[in-house]
Amino acid sequence: MIPKIKNMTIQKALSQSAAQLNLPNIDTASLDASLLLSHVLGVSRSKLLTMHEEIIRDKDLSAFRALIDRRLKGECIAYIVGKKEFWGLDFFVNPSVLVPRPDTEILVEAALEQIKVYKEKGSARILDLCTGSGAIAIAIKHEIPELEIHAADISAEALETAKYNARQILSNNNDIVFYRGDLFDALSSSSNPLLFDTIISNPPYIPTDKIKTLSLQVQYEPRLALDGGQSGLDIIKRIIKEAPNYIKRGGCLIMEADPYQMEDMEILLANSGFCNIIKYKDLAGLERVIGGIYG
């Protein structure tokens, strides 16, 4: 615990909390402390820098300590403060959804690259499978508002989070059509099967046995959104196998996965009738996103 010091300054509270977070080797200790205190005080981090000599109120210090304790137990900053920036937009997040990651912006960029081709032809119906917080679908819709976007997830709690984010970020509550169900089964309620120009997915792709070896921070995230079966490819295989029933000829399937899975996915895509396969590298220079044209 942070020692009780009367008339503690903001700078002292930050330095002591950062030192406390350093003990379990949290690499971003100083950043985390400043993010949490900014959240408690309701100010930006840049504003916080100008307040270092101010005395922190007892109630704010107590609230800050409580958040530091949560971080020490492994809970990620995004869940603690309830939001995460993605594609320049602020998304509400909670333990029912994965925290949007910077590498997933590569998936959005790849999708936009393909979507613009179809848009020029006057056709652009998009499906986001395993939508989670809705970050991918909403980022794309925010970028090109006239797109027809559909999004699906098996989790009712995740869908409620995605719908909330859509209401907060987009101008029209009906901008995205949401479905609940297991992958493409979510669309079975439609009397006429929809065909899409682009299908996008950031599916569960972590091998089951590997999940327990991941950081505590990741293990706070929903297992349903992480677990890709023993090989990590179970959900990916289903999406690639079933996608031809829901994609137009000349349409594109784009997916995020682990770099070591790219070679297997390229084979799976080719066997399901996809060609012109292209891979996109993440911020670390590793292949993170793969896409192919159907037909």
Protein backbone atom coordinates (compact mmCIF):
# COMPACT_ATOMS: atom_id res chain seq x y z
CA MET A 1 0.00 0.00 0.00
CA ILE A 2 1.04 3.61 -0.58
CA PRO A 3 2.09 5.11 2.77
CA LYS A 4 -0.36 7.59 4.25
CA ILE A 5 1.23 11.01 4.01
CA LYS A 6 -0.60 14.15 4.97
CA ASN A 7 -0.83 16.75 2.22
CA MET A 8 0.54 14.43 -0.45
CA THR A 9 1.25 16.09 -3.78
CA ILE A 10 0.10 14.64 -7.07
CA GLN A 11 3.72 14.12 -8.08
CA LYS A 12 4.44 12.14 -4.89
CA ALA A 13 1.32 9.99 -5.37
CA LEU A 14 2.38 9.25 -8.95
CA SER A 15 5.98 8.38 -8.10
CA GLN A 16 5.02 6.09 -5.22
CA SER A 17 2.36 4.33 -7.28
CA ALA A 18 4.74 3.85 -10.20
CA ALA A 19 7.29 2.31 -7.84
CA GLN A 20 4.58 0.01 -6.48
CA LEU A 21 3.60 -1.09 -10.00
CA ASN A 22 7.24 -1.71 -10.87
CA LEU A 23 7.49 -4.46 -8.25
CA PRO A 24 5.56 -7.02 -10.35
CA ASN A 25 7.53 -5.81 -13.40
CA ILE A 26 4.75 -3.86 -15.08
CA ASP A 27 6.68 -2.30 -17.96
CA THR A 28 4.36 0.69 -18.24
CA ALA A 29 4.27 1.52 -14.52
CA SER A 30 4.67 5.31 -14.83
CA LEU A 31 2.26 5.51 -17.75
CA ASP A 32 -0.30 3.36 -15.96
CA ALA A 33 -0.11 5.47 -12.81
CA SER A 34 -0.64 8.69 -14.75
CA LEU A 35 -3.53 7.22 -16.75
CA LEU A 36 -5.28 6.05 -13.60
CA LEU A 37 -4.81 9.32 -11.74
CA SER A 38 -5.95 11.30 -14.80
CA HIS A 39 -9.08 9.14 -14.78
CA VAL A 40 -9.73 9.74 -11.09
CA LEU A 41 -9.25 13.50 -11.38
CA GLY A 42 -11.11 13.78 -14.69
CA VAL A 43 -8.27 15.56 -16.46
CA SER A 44 -6.05 14.79 -19.45
CA ARG A 45 -2.51 13.48 -18.95
CA SER A 46 -1.13 16.73 -20.36
CA LYS A 47 -3.16 18.66 -17.79
CA LEU A 48 -1.93 16.33 -15.05
CA LEU A 49 1.65 17.34 -15.85
CA THR A 50 0.83 20.93 -14.84
CA MET A 51 -0.67 19.81 -11.51
CA HIS A 52 2.30 17.97 -9.96
CA GLU A 53 2.71 20.35 -7.03
CA GLU A 54 -0.99 20.39 -6.16
CA ILE A 55 -2.18 18.52 -3.06
CA ILE A 56 -4.36 15.54 -3.86
CA ARG A 57 -7.62 15.33 -1.94
CA ASP A 58 -8.04 12.39 0.43
CA LYS A 59 -11.04 10.98 -1.44
CA ASP A 60 -9.18 11.15 -4.76
CA LEU A 61 -6.13 9.50 -3.22
CA SER A 62 -8.32 6.68 -1.85
CA ALA A 63 -9.94 6.19 -5.25
CA PHE A 64 -6.52 6.21 -6.94
CA ARG A 65 -5.17 3.61 -4.52
CA ALA A 66 -8.13 1.35 -5.22
CA LEU A 67 -7.42 1.50 -8.96
CA ILE A 68 -3.71 0.84 -8.39
CA ASP A 69 -4.66 -2.28 -6.40
CA ARG A 70 -6.77 -3.52 -9.33
CA ARG A 71 -3.84 -2.96 -11.70
CA LEU A 72 -1.51 -4.85 -9.35
CA LYS A 73 -3.85 -7.85 -9.57
CA GLY A 74 -3.35 -7.89 -13.34
CA GLU A 75 -6.48 -6.11 -14.56
CA CYS A 76 -5.70 -4.02 -17.64
CA ILE A 77 -5.96 -0.25 -17.74
CA ALA A 78 -8.71 -0.32 -20.36
CA TYR A 79 -11.06 -2.35 -18.14
CA ILE A 80 -10.26 -0.24 -15.09
CA VAL A 81 -11.05 3.07 -16.79
CA GLY A 82 -13.72 1.55 -19.04
CA LYS A 83 -12.41 2.78 -22.36
CA LYS A 84 -9.78 2.25 -25.03
CA GLU A 85 -8.80 4.35 -28.03
CA PHE A 86 -8.88 2.62 -31.40
CA TRP A 87 -8.66 4.24 -34.84
CA GLY A 88 -8.70 7.61 -33.09
CA LEU A 89 -12.06 6.83 -31.46
CA ASP A 90 -12.87 6.13 -27.80
CA PHE A 91 -14.56 2.76 -27.26
CA PHE A 92 -16.29 1.62 -24.08
CA VAL A 93 -14.82 -1.74 -23.02
CA ASN A 94 -15.55 -4.22 -20.25
CA PRO A 95 -14.62 -7.85 -19.48
CA SER A 96 -17.21 -9.11 -22.00
CA VAL A 97 -15.06 -7.95 -24.93
CA LEU A 98 -11.45 -8.01 -26.02
CA VAL A 99 -9.56 -4.76 -25.61
CA PRO A 100 -8.96 -3.33 -29.12
CA ARG A 101 -5.27 -3.46 -29.97
CA PRO A 102 -3.17 -1.25 -32.28
CA ASP A 103 -2.26 -4.22 -34.48
CA THR A 104 -5.93 -4.69 -35.32
CA GLU A 105 -5.86 -1.31 -37.04
CA ILE A 106 -3.90 -3.17 -39.75
CA LEU A 107 -7.05 -5.25 -40.31
CA VAL A 108 -9.12 -2.07 -40.67
CA GLU A 109 -6.61 -0.62 -43.14
CA ALA A 110 -6.62 -3.82 -45.22
CA ALA A 111 -10.42 -3.92 -45.22
CA LEU A 112 -10.70 -0.28 -46.29
CA GLU A 113 -8.27 -0.95 -49.12
CA GLN A 114 -10.56 -3.68 -50.49
CA ILE A 115 -13.83 -1.91 -49.68
CA LYS A 116 -12.87 1.14 -51.71
CA VAL A 117 -12.53 -1.11 -54.78
CA TYR A 118 -16.11 -2.38 -54.40
CA LYS A 119 -17.42 1.05 -53.48
CA GLU A 120 -16.17 2.39 -56.81
CA LYS A 121 -18.30 -0.30 -58.47
CA GLY A 122 -21.33 0.91 -56.52
CA SER A 123 -21.50 -2.08 -54.19
CA ALA A 124 -20.30 -2.30 -50.61
CA ARG A 125 -22.01 -4.65 -48.15
CA ILE A 126 -19.70 -5.60 -45.28
CA LEU A 127 -19.83 -8.28 -42.56
CA ASP A 128 -17.75 -8.20 -39.37
CA LEU A 129 -17.71 -11.61 -37.66
CA CYS A 130 -16.75 -11.88 -33.96
CA THR A 131 -17.33 -8.15 -33.64
CA GLY A 132 -16.76 -7.95 -29.85
CA SER A 133 -16.73 -4.27 -28.89
CA GLY A 134 -17.66 -3.37 -32.46
CA ALA A 135 -14.35 -1.57 -32.92
CA ILE A 136 -13.64 -2.85 -36.45
CA ALA A 137 -17.15 -2.37 -37.83
CA ILE A 138 -17.57 1.04 -36.21
CA ALA A 139 -14.14 2.28 -37.33
CA ILE A 140 -14.95 1.32 -40.93
CA LYS A 141 -18.42 2.85 -40.78
CA HIS A 142 -16.98 6.02 -39.27
CA GLU A 143 -14.47 6.16 -42.13
CA ILE A 144 -17.04 5.53 -44.91
CA PRO A 145 -20.52 6.36 -43.51
CA GLU A 146 -22.44 5.24 -46.60
CA LEU A 147 -21.38 1.59 -46.27
CA GLU A 148 -23.94 -1.09 -45.43
CA ILE A 149 -22.38 -2.86 -42.45
CA HIS A 150 -23.51 -5.97 -40.59
CA ALA A 151 -21.83 -7.32 -37.45
CA ALA A 152 -22.23 -10.57 -35.50
CA ASP A 153 -21.07 -12.10 -32.25
CA ILE A 154 -21.99 -15.17 -30.22
CA SER A 155 -21.96 -13.23 -26.94
CA ALA A 156 -25.06 -11.26 -25.94
CA GLU A 157 -22.97 -9.15 -23.55
CA ALA A 158 -20.46 -8.33 -26.27
CA LEU A 159 -23.24 -7.29 -28.64
CA GLU A 160 -24.71 -4.95 -26.05
CA THR A 161 -21.28 -3.36 -25.72
CA ALA A 162 -20.94 -3.05 -29.51
CA LYS A 163 -24.40 -1.50 -29.81
CA TYR A 164 -23.58 0.99 -27.06
CA ASN A 165 -20.37 1.97 -28.86
CA ALA A 166 -22.25 2.39 -32.13
CA ARG A 167 -24.75 4.70 -30.45
CA GLN A 168 -22.00 6.77 -28.87
CA ILE A 169 -19.71 7.05 -31.88
CA LEU A 170 -21.94 6.97 -34.96
CA SER A 171 -24.59 9.52 -35.87
CA ASN A 172 -27.41 7.03 -36.49
CA ASN A 173 -28.40 4.21 -34.11
CA ASN A 174 -29.27 2.00 -37.11
CA ASP A 175 -25.96 2.52 -38.90
CA ILE A 176 -24.91 -1.11 -38.25
CA VAL A 177 -27.13 -4.19 -38.28
CA PHE A 178 -26.19 -6.48 -35.37
CA TYR A 179 -26.83 -10.24 -35.10
CA ARG A 180 -26.30 -12.68 -32.28
CA GLY A 181 -25.19 -16.19 -33.11
CA ASP A 182 -22.34 -18.61 -33.79
CA LEU A 183 -20.43 -17.19 -36.76
CA PHE A 184 -22.54 -17.36 -39.94
CA ASP A 185 -25.40 -19.04 -38.06
CA ALA A 186 -26.16 -15.56 -36.73
CA LEU A 187 -27.44 -14.66 -40.20
CA SER A 188 -29.87 -17.59 -40.43
CA SER A 189 -32.72 -15.42 -39.13
CA SER A 190 -32.67 -13.60 -42.47
CA SER A 191 -35.21 -15.06 -44.92
CA ASN A 192 -32.93 -14.32 -47.87
CA PRO A 193 -29.28 -15.19 -47.27
CA LEU A 194 -27.18 -12.07 -47.62
CA LEU A 195 -24.11 -12.01 -49.82
CA PHE A 196 -21.28 -9.69 -48.84
CA ASP A 197 -18.60 -7.85 -50.78
CA THR A 198 -16.17 -8.06 -47.87
CA ILE A 199 -16.14 -10.29 -44.79
CA ILE A 200 -13.83 -9.24 -41.96
CA SER A 201 -12.96 -11.09 -38.78
CA ASN A 202 -10.63 -10.95 -35.82
CA PRO A 203 -11.60 -14.41 -34.51
CA PRO A 204 -10.39 -16.37 -31.48
CA TYR A 205 -7.04 -17.83 -32.57
CA ILE A 206 -5.01 -18.62 -29.45
CA PRO A 207 -4.43 -22.38 -28.87
CA THR A 208 -6.31 -23.57 -25.78
CA ASP A 209 -3.24 -24.77 -23.89
CA LYS A 210 -1.39 -21.50 -24.53
CA ILE A 211 -3.99 -19.29 -22.84
CA LYS A 212 -2.87 -20.20 -19.33
CA THR A 213 0.68 -19.10 -20.19
CA LEU A 214 -0.37 -15.59 -21.19
CA SER A 215 -0.11 -12.54 -18.95
CA LEU A 216 -2.65 -11.96 -16.19
CA GLN A 217 -3.78 -8.92 -18.13
CA VAL A 218 -4.81 -11.05 -21.13
CA GLN A 219 -6.41 -13.67 -18.89
CA TYR A 220 -8.87 -11.03 -17.66
CA GLU A 221 -10.23 -10.92 -21.21
CA PRO A 222 -13.12 -13.22 -22.24
CA ARG A 223 -11.92 -16.73 -22.96
CA LEU A 224 -14.65 -17.10 -25.58
CA ALA A 225 -12.93 -14.39 -27.64
CA LEU A 226 -9.45 -15.89 -27.18
CA ASP A 227 -9.76 -19.67 -27.45
CA GLY A 228 -9.21 -20.98 -30.96
CA GLY A 229 -9.16 -24.66 -29.97
CA GLN A 230 -6.15 -26.94 -29.59
CA SER A 231 -4.52 -25.75 -32.82
CA GLY A 232 -5.77 -22.19 -32.58
CA LEU A 233 -7.34 -22.68 -36.00
CA ASP A 234 -10.73 -24.18 -35.12
CA ILE A 235 -12.78 -21.00 -35.61
CA ILE A 236 -10.62 -19.84 -38.50
CA LYS A 237 -11.22 -23.11 -40.38
CA ARG A 238 -14.98 -22.76 -39.93
CA ILE A 239 -15.01 -19.19 -41.19
CA ILE A 240 -12.92 -19.99 -44.27
CA LYS A 241 -14.97 -23.12 -45.08
CA GLU A 242 -18.37 -21.40 -44.72
CA ALA A 243 -17.49 -17.99 -46.16
CA PRO A 244 -18.09 -18.97 -49.83
CA ASN A 245 -21.80 -19.34 -48.99
CA TYR A 246 -21.98 -15.72 -47.88
CA ILE A 247 -19.55 -13.86 -50.12
CA LYS A 248 -20.03 -12.59 -53.66
CA ARG A 249 -17.75 -13.83 -56.40
CA GLY A 250 -14.91 -11.36 -56.49
CA GLY A 251 -15.56 -10.56 -52.83
CA CYS A 252 -12.82 -10.50 -50.20
CA LEU A 253 -12.34 -12.34 -46.91
CA ILE A 254 -9.87 -10.65 -44.54
CA MET A 255 -8.80 -12.06 -41.18
CA GLU A 256 -6.41 -11.33 -38.34
CA ALA A 257 -4.45 -14.18 -36.74
CA ASP A 258 -1.10 -15.10 -35.24
CA PRO A 259 1.87 -14.76 -37.62
CA TYR A 260 2.72 -18.47 -37.24
CA GLN A 261 -0.77 -19.36 -38.57
CA MET A 262 -0.44 -17.45 -41.84
CA GLU A 263 1.02 -20.33 -43.88
CA ASP A 264 -1.77 -22.71 -42.84
CA MET A 265 -4.40 -20.06 -43.50
CA GLU A 266 -3.05 -19.42 -46.98
CA ILE A 267 -3.55 -23.12 -47.77
CA LEU A 268 -7.04 -23.13 -46.24
CA LEU A 269 -8.06 -20.08 -48.26
CA ALA A 270 -6.77 -21.57 -51.51
CA ASN A 271 -8.60 -24.86 -50.84
CA SER A 272 -11.86 -22.94 -50.34
CA GLY A 273 -11.63 -21.12 -53.65
CA PHE A 274 -9.83 -17.92 -52.64
CA CYS A 275 -7.07 -16.48 -54.81
CA ASN A 276 -4.87 -13.36 -55.01
CA ILE A 277 -3.97 -13.99 -51.39
CA ILE A 278 -2.20 -11.10 -49.69
CA LYS A 279 -0.68 -10.70 -46.23
CA TYR A 280 -0.26 -7.52 -44.21
CA LYS A 281 2.44 -6.91 -41.58
CA ASP A 282 1.77 -5.55 -38.10
CA LEU A 283 3.63 -2.84 -36.20
CA ALA A 284 6.41 -5.32 -35.35
CA GLY A 285 6.89 -6.26 -39.01
CA LEU A 286 5.19 -9.67 -38.59
CA GLU A 287 2.45 -11.00 -40.87
CA ARG A 288 -0.75 -10.38 -38.90
CA VAL A 289 -3.58 -10.07 -41.45
CA ILE A 290 -4.39 -12.22 -44.48
CA GLY A 291 -6.95 -11.75 -47.21
CA GLY A 292 -8.09 -13.43 -50.41
CA ILE A 293 -10.51 -12.88 -53.29
CA TYR A 294 -13.27 -15.47 -53.79
CA GLY A 295 -13.90 -17.05 -57.17
